[in-house]
Amino acid sequence: MEKKNSMEMARLAITALEDKKAEDIRVIDISEVSVLADYFIIAGGGSKSQIQALCDNVEEVLGRSGYTQKQTEGYNTANWILMDFGDVIIHIFDRENRLFYDLERIWRDGKTVDIDELRA
């Protein structure tokens, strides 16, 4: 998939996360440092039910737009849900696990993307 499509997918995912009041959404462009994906989106939720609702909404919005989800991990425990859409990987954390795993630090070689710029 070309990067333009992954950018659109990231935009849709961010909107879906914002619709369900996700906390502290971050986007990291990892296309220069990894073959895993173009973007990592990291977001938080305050409770198990909110984290699952965030996941459900992203799945629904991206699915309706024709994007195929490869895999979801961690839905039942909902302390870290990983959603793999190929060129966009979405991580939805509870507060404790987000601090513990600190993906922003691990992927600091990637480029932090300003969400407002992504929308433009």
N, C-alpha and C. Protein backbone atom coordinates (compact mmCIF):
# COMPACT_ATOMS: atom_id res chain seq x y z
N MET A 1 0.85 -1.18 0.00
CA MET A 1 0.00 0.00 0.00
C MET A 1 0.89 1.24 0.00
N GLU A 2 0.52 2.21 -0.79
CA GLU A 2 1.34 3.41 -0.82
C GLU A 2 1.07 4.29 0.40
N LYS A 3 2.03 5.16 0.68
CA LYS A 3 1.96 5.95 1.90
C LYS A 3 0.73 6.87 1.96
N LYS A 4 0.27 7.33 0.80
CA LYS A 4 -0.92 8.19 0.79
C LYS A 4 -2.11 7.44 1.39
N ASN A 5 -2.27 6.17 1.04
CA ASN A 5 -3.36 5.37 1.60
C ASN A 5 -3.18 5.17 3.09
N SER A 6 -1.95 4.94 3.52
CA SER A 6 -1.73 4.73 4.95
C SER A 6 -1.97 6.02 5.72
N MET A 7 -1.70 7.16 5.10
CA MET A 7 -1.98 8.45 5.74
C MET A 7 -3.49 8.64 5.92
N GLU A 8 -4.25 8.28 4.90
CA GLU A 8 -5.71 8.37 4.99
C GLU A 8 -6.24 7.40 6.06
N MET A 9 -5.66 6.22 6.10
CA MET A 9 -6.07 5.24 7.11
C MET A 9 -5.76 5.78 8.51
N ALA A 10 -4.62 6.39 8.69
CA ALA A 10 -4.24 6.98 9.98
C ALA A 10 -5.22 8.09 10.36
N ARG A 11 -5.58 8.94 9.40
CA ARG A 11 -6.55 10.02 9.66
C ARG A 11 -7.88 9.45 10.15
N LEU A 12 -8.37 8.43 9.48
CA LEU A 12 -9.64 7.82 9.85
C LEU A 12 -9.56 7.20 11.25
N ALA A 13 -8.44 6.53 11.53
CA ALA A 13 -8.27 5.90 12.84
C ALA A 13 -8.25 6.95 13.95
N ILE A 14 -7.57 8.06 13.71
CA ILE A 14 -7.50 9.14 14.70
C ILE A 14 -8.90 9.70 14.97
N THR A 15 -9.65 9.92 13.91
CA THR A 15 -11.02 10.42 14.06
C THR A 15 -11.86 9.44 14.87
N ALA A 16 -11.73 8.16 14.57
CA ALA A 16 -12.49 7.13 15.30
C ALA A 16 -12.09 7.10 16.77
N LEU A 17 -10.80 7.28 17.06
CA LEU A 17 -10.33 7.32 18.45
C LEU A 17 -10.86 8.57 19.17
N GLU A 18 -10.80 9.71 18.48
CA GLU A 18 -11.28 10.96 19.08
C GLU A 18 -12.78 10.89 19.35
N ASP A 19 -13.53 10.24 18.47
CA ASP A 19 -14.98 10.11 18.65
C ASP A 19 -15.33 9.43 19.97
N LYS A 20 -14.46 8.54 20.43
CA LYS A 20 -14.71 7.82 21.68
C LYS A 20 -13.83 8.35 22.82
N LYS A 21 -13.32 9.57 22.64
CA LYS A 21 -12.59 10.29 23.70
C LYS A 21 -11.29 9.60 24.14
N ALA A 22 -10.52 9.11 23.18
CA ALA A 22 -9.22 8.51 23.50
C ALA A 22 -8.32 9.57 24.14
N GLU A 23 -7.43 9.12 25.02
CA GLU A 23 -6.52 10.02 25.71
C GLU A 23 -5.17 10.07 24.99
N ASP A 24 -4.60 11.25 24.89
CA ASP A 24 -3.22 11.45 24.45
C ASP A 24 -2.86 10.64 23.20
N ILE A 25 -3.52 10.94 22.09
CA ILE A 25 -3.24 10.23 20.84
C ILE A 25 -1.91 10.71 20.27
N ARG A 26 -1.05 9.77 19.94
CA ARG A 26 0.25 10.09 19.33
C ARG A 26 0.39 9.31 18.03
N VAL A 27 1.03 9.92 17.06
CA VAL A 27 1.29 9.26 15.79
C VAL A 27 2.79 9.31 15.54
N ILE A 28 3.35 8.15 15.21
CA ILE A 28 4.78 8.08 14.90
C ILE A 28 4.93 7.50 13.50
N ASP A 29 5.62 8.25 12.64
CA ASP A 29 5.93 7.77 11.29
C ASP A 29 7.17 6.90 11.42
N ILE A 30 7.00 5.58 11.23
CA ILE A 30 8.14 4.67 11.37
C ILE A 30 8.61 4.14 10.01
N SER A 31 8.10 4.74 8.93
CA SER A 31 8.40 4.23 7.59
C SER A 31 9.89 4.27 7.25
N GLU A 32 10.62 5.20 7.86
CA GLU A 32 12.06 5.31 7.58
C GLU A 32 12.90 4.36 8.43
N VAL A 33 12.32 3.85 9.53
CA VAL A 33 13.13 3.05 10.47
C VAL A 33 12.67 1.59 10.58
N SER A 34 11.57 1.25 9.92
CA SER A 34 11.06 -0.11 10.04
C SER A 34 10.25 -0.50 8.82
N VAL A 35 10.26 -1.80 8.52
CA VAL A 35 9.41 -2.31 7.44
C VAL A 35 8.06 -2.79 7.99
N LEU A 36 7.88 -2.70 9.31
CA LEU A 36 6.64 -3.16 9.93
C LEU A 36 5.42 -2.42 9.42
N ALA A 37 5.53 -1.10 9.32
CA ALA A 37 4.37 -0.27 8.98
C ALA A 37 4.86 1.12 8.63
N ASP A 38 3.94 1.97 8.17
CA ASP A 38 4.25 3.39 7.95
C ASP A 38 4.01 4.18 9.24
N TYR A 39 2.90 3.85 9.93
CA TYR A 39 2.54 4.62 11.12
C TYR A 39 2.20 3.72 12.30
N PHE A 40 2.62 4.17 13.46
CA PHE A 40 2.13 3.66 14.73
C PHE A 40 1.22 4.74 15.29
N ILE A 41 0.04 4.35 15.72
CA ILE A 41 -0.83 5.27 16.43
C ILE A 41 -0.95 4.72 17.84
N ILE A 42 -0.70 5.59 18.81
CA ILE A 42 -0.74 5.18 20.22
C ILE A 42 -1.79 6.04 20.91
N ALA A 43 -2.69 5.38 21.63
CA ALA A 43 -3.75 6.10 22.33
C ALA A 43 -4.04 5.42 23.65
N GLY A 44 -4.72 6.14 24.52
CA GLY A 44 -5.04 5.59 25.83
C GLY A 44 -6.52 5.64 26.11
N GLY A 45 -6.91 4.78 27.06
CA GLY A 45 -8.28 4.78 27.54
C GLY A 45 -8.29 4.65 29.05
N GLY A 46 -9.36 5.09 29.66
CA GLY A 46 -9.42 5.12 31.12
C GLY A 46 -9.97 3.87 31.77
N SER A 47 -10.60 3.00 30.97
CA SER A 47 -11.18 1.78 31.54
C SER A 47 -11.19 0.70 30.47
N LYS A 48 -11.38 -0.53 30.92
CA LYS A 48 -11.45 -1.66 29.99
C LYS A 48 -12.55 -1.44 28.96
N SER A 49 -13.73 -0.99 29.41
CA SER A 49 -14.84 -0.82 28.47
C SER A 49 -14.56 0.31 27.47
N GLN A 50 -13.90 1.38 27.92
CA GLN A 50 -13.56 2.45 26.97
C GLN A 50 -12.53 1.96 25.96
N ILE A 51 -11.53 1.22 26.42
CA ILE A 51 -10.48 0.73 25.53
C ILE A 51 -11.09 -0.19 24.47
N GLN A 52 -12.02 -1.04 24.88
CA GLN A 52 -12.69 -1.92 23.92
C GLN A 52 -13.57 -1.11 22.96
N ALA A 53 -14.23 -0.07 23.47
CA ALA A 53 -15.05 0.78 22.61
C ALA A 53 -14.19 1.52 21.58
N LEU A 54 -13.00 1.96 22.00
CA LEU A 54 -12.07 2.61 21.07
C LEU A 54 -11.71 1.64 19.95
N CYS A 55 -11.38 0.41 20.33
CA CYS A 55 -11.02 -0.63 19.36
C CYS A 55 -12.18 -0.90 18.41
N ASP A 56 -13.37 -1.08 18.97
CA ASP A 56 -14.55 -1.38 18.15
C ASP A 56 -14.82 -0.26 17.14
N ASN A 57 -14.67 0.99 17.59
CA ASN A 57 -14.95 2.11 16.70
C ASN A 57 -13.93 2.21 15.58
N VAL A 58 -12.66 2.00 15.89
CA VAL A 58 -11.62 2.03 14.85
C VAL A 58 -11.90 0.92 13.83
N GLU A 59 -12.21 -0.26 14.33
CA GLU A 59 -12.51 -1.40 13.46
C GLU A 59 -13.69 -1.07 12.52
N GLU A 60 -14.73 -0.48 13.08
CA GLU A 60 -15.92 -0.16 12.29
C GLU A 60 -15.64 0.92 11.25
N VAL A 61 -15.00 2.01 11.66
CA VAL A 61 -14.73 3.13 10.75
C VAL A 61 -13.79 2.70 9.62
N LEU A 62 -12.70 2.01 9.95
CA LEU A 62 -11.77 1.59 8.91
C LEU A 62 -12.38 0.51 8.02
N GLY A 63 -13.14 -0.40 8.63
CA GLY A 63 -13.80 -1.45 7.86
C GLY A 63 -14.78 -0.87 6.84
N ARG A 64 -15.58 0.10 7.28
CA ARG A 64 -16.54 0.76 6.37
C ARG A 64 -15.83 1.47 5.22
N SER A 65 -14.59 1.89 5.47
CA SER A 65 -13.83 2.59 4.43
C SER A 65 -13.04 1.63 3.55
N GLY A 66 -13.21 0.33 3.79
CA GLY A 66 -12.59 -0.67 2.92
C GLY A 66 -11.21 -1.14 3.35
N TYR A 67 -10.78 -0.78 4.54
CA TYR A 67 -9.46 -1.22 5.00
C TYR A 67 -9.61 -2.54 5.76
N THR A 68 -8.74 -3.48 5.44
CA THR A 68 -8.80 -4.82 6.02
C THR A 68 -7.90 -4.91 7.23
N GLN A 69 -8.46 -5.41 8.29
CA GLN A 69 -7.69 -5.61 9.52
C GLN A 69 -7.05 -6.98 9.46
N LYS A 70 -5.74 -7.02 9.67
CA LYS A 70 -5.02 -8.29 9.65
C LYS A 70 -5.20 -9.05 10.97
N GLN A 71 -5.15 -8.31 12.07
CA GLN A 71 -5.13 -8.98 13.37
C GLN A 71 -5.43 -8.00 14.49
N THR A 72 -6.03 -8.52 15.56
CA THR A 72 -6.20 -7.77 16.80
C THR A 72 -5.72 -8.66 17.93
N GLU A 73 -4.93 -8.09 18.82
CA GLU A 73 -4.43 -8.82 19.99
C GLU A 73 -4.83 -8.06 21.24
N GLY A 74 -5.18 -8.79 22.29
CA GLY A 74 -5.38 -8.18 23.60
C GLY A 74 -6.76 -7.62 23.88
N TYR A 75 -7.74 -7.91 23.03
CA TYR A 75 -9.07 -7.32 23.21
C TYR A 75 -9.71 -7.73 24.54
N ASN A 76 -9.61 -8.98 24.90
CA ASN A 76 -10.30 -9.46 26.10
C ASN A 76 -9.75 -8.86 27.39
N THR A 77 -8.43 -8.76 27.48
CA THR A 77 -7.85 -8.16 28.70
C THR A 77 -7.92 -6.64 28.65
N ALA A 78 -7.82 -6.07 27.44
CA ALA A 78 -7.97 -4.64 27.19
C ALA A 78 -7.03 -3.76 28.01
N ASN A 79 -5.82 -4.28 28.34
CA ASN A 79 -4.83 -3.38 28.94
C ASN A 79 -3.86 -2.87 27.86
N TRP A 80 -3.76 -3.62 26.76
CA TRP A 80 -3.03 -3.18 25.58
C TRP A 80 -3.63 -3.90 24.39
N ILE A 81 -4.37 -3.19 23.59
CA ILE A 81 -4.92 -3.77 22.36
C ILE A 81 -4.05 -3.32 21.20
N LEU A 82 -3.62 -4.28 20.41
CA LEU A 82 -2.85 -4.00 19.21
C LEU A 82 -3.72 -4.33 18.01
N MET A 83 -3.91 -3.35 17.16
CA MET A 83 -4.70 -3.54 15.95
C MET A 83 -3.78 -3.37 14.74
N ASP A 84 -3.67 -4.42 13.94
CA ASP A 84 -2.76 -4.40 12.80
C ASP A 84 -3.57 -4.24 11.51
N PHE A 85 -3.41 -3.09 10.88
CA PHE A 85 -4.04 -2.83 9.59
C PHE A 85 -2.99 -2.79 8.48
N GLY A 86 -1.88 -3.47 8.69
CA GLY A 86 -0.82 -3.49 7.68
C GLY A 86 0.08 -2.29 7.81
N ASP A 87 -0.19 -1.24 7.04
CA ASP A 87 0.67 -0.05 7.05
C ASP A 87 0.41 0.87 8.24
N VAL A 88 -0.66 0.60 8.97
CA VAL A 88 -0.96 1.36 10.18
C VAL A 88 -1.21 0.37 11.31
N ILE A 89 -0.47 0.55 12.39
CA ILE A 89 -0.64 -0.30 13.57
C ILE A 89 -1.09 0.60 14.72
N ILE A 90 -2.19 0.20 15.34
CA ILE A 90 -2.80 1.02 16.39
C ILE A 90 -2.64 0.31 17.72
N HIS A 91 -2.12 1.04 18.69
CA HIS A 91 -1.95 0.53 20.05
C HIS A 91 -2.87 1.33 20.96
N ILE A 92 -3.74 0.64 21.69
CA ILE A 92 -4.62 1.30 22.64
C ILE A 92 -4.32 0.74 24.03
N PHE A 93 -3.85 1.60 24.91
CA PHE A 93 -3.37 1.19 26.23
C PHE A 93 -4.24 1.69 27.36
N ASP A 94 -4.20 0.97 28.49
CA ASP A 94 -4.63 1.58 29.73
C ASP A 94 -3.46 2.42 30.23
N ARG A 95 -3.69 3.24 31.23
CA ARG A 95 -2.65 4.19 31.66
C ARG A 95 -1.39 3.48 32.17
N GLU A 96 -1.57 2.45 32.97
CA GLU A 96 -0.44 1.75 33.58
C GLU A 96 0.47 1.11 32.53
N ASN A 97 -0.12 0.39 31.58
CA ASN A 97 0.67 -0.29 30.57
C ASN A 97 1.30 0.66 29.57
N ARG A 98 0.63 1.78 29.32
CA ARG A 98 1.23 2.76 28.42
C ARG A 98 2.53 3.31 29.02
N LEU A 99 2.49 3.61 30.29
CA LEU A 99 3.70 4.09 30.97
C LEU A 99 4.77 3.00 30.99
N PHE A 100 4.35 1.78 31.28
CA PHE A 100 5.30 0.67 31.41
C PHE A 100 6.00 0.37 30.09
N TYR A 101 5.24 0.24 29.01
CA TYR A 101 5.84 -0.14 27.73
C TYR A 101 6.46 1.03 26.98
N ASP A 102 5.97 2.24 27.18
CA ASP A 102 6.57 3.48 26.66
C ASP A 102 7.01 3.36 25.19
N LEU A 103 6.08 3.03 24.33
CA LEU A 103 6.40 2.87 22.91
C LEU A 103 6.97 4.13 22.28
N GLU A 104 6.54 5.29 22.79
CA GLU A 104 7.07 6.54 22.24
C GLU A 104 8.59 6.59 22.40
N ARG A 105 9.09 6.08 23.53
CA ARG A 105 10.54 6.07 23.75
C ARG A 105 11.20 5.00 22.88
N ILE A 106 10.61 3.82 22.84
CA ILE A 106 11.19 2.72 22.06
C ILE A 106 11.29 3.10 20.58
N TRP A 107 10.30 3.81 20.06
CA TRP A 107 10.26 4.18 18.65
C TRP A 107 10.66 5.63 18.41
N ARG A 108 11.52 6.15 19.27
CA ARG A 108 11.90 7.57 19.15
C ARG A 108 12.70 7.86 17.88
N ASP A 109 13.22 6.82 17.22
CA ASP A 109 13.90 7.03 15.93
C ASP A 109 12.91 7.36 14.82
N GLY A 110 11.66 7.04 15.06
CA GLY A 110 10.61 7.42 14.11
C GLY A 110 10.33 8.91 14.24
N LYS A 111 9.54 9.42 13.32
CA LYS A 111 9.23 10.85 13.31
C LYS A 111 7.85 11.07 13.93
N THR A 112 7.80 11.88 14.99
CA THR A 112 6.51 12.21 15.59
C THR A 112 5.73 13.08 14.60
N VAL A 113 4.49 12.69 14.38
CA VAL A 113 3.65 13.39 13.41
C VAL A 113 2.65 14.25 14.18
N ASP A 114 2.55 15.51 13.76
CA ASP A 114 1.55 16.40 14.34
C ASP A 114 0.19 16.00 13.75
N ILE A 115 -0.75 15.66 14.63
CA ILE A 115 -2.06 15.17 14.17
C ILE A 115 -2.75 16.21 13.30
N ASP A 116 -2.62 17.49 13.63
CA ASP A 116 -3.25 18.53 12.82
C ASP A 116 -2.64 18.60 11.42
N GLU A 117 -1.32 18.35 11.31
CA GLU A 117 -0.68 18.34 10.00
C GLU A 117 -1.16 17.15 9.19
N LEU A 118 -1.36 16.03 9.85
CA LEU A 118 -1.84 14.82 9.17
C LEU A 118 -3.22 15.07 8.56
N ARG A 119 -4.02 15.86 9.25
CA ARG A 119 -5.37 16.16 8.76
C ARG A 119 -5.35 17.10 7.56
N ALA A 120 -4.32 17.91 7.46
CA ALA A 120 -4.28 18.96 6.42
C ALA A 120 -4.13 18.38 5.02
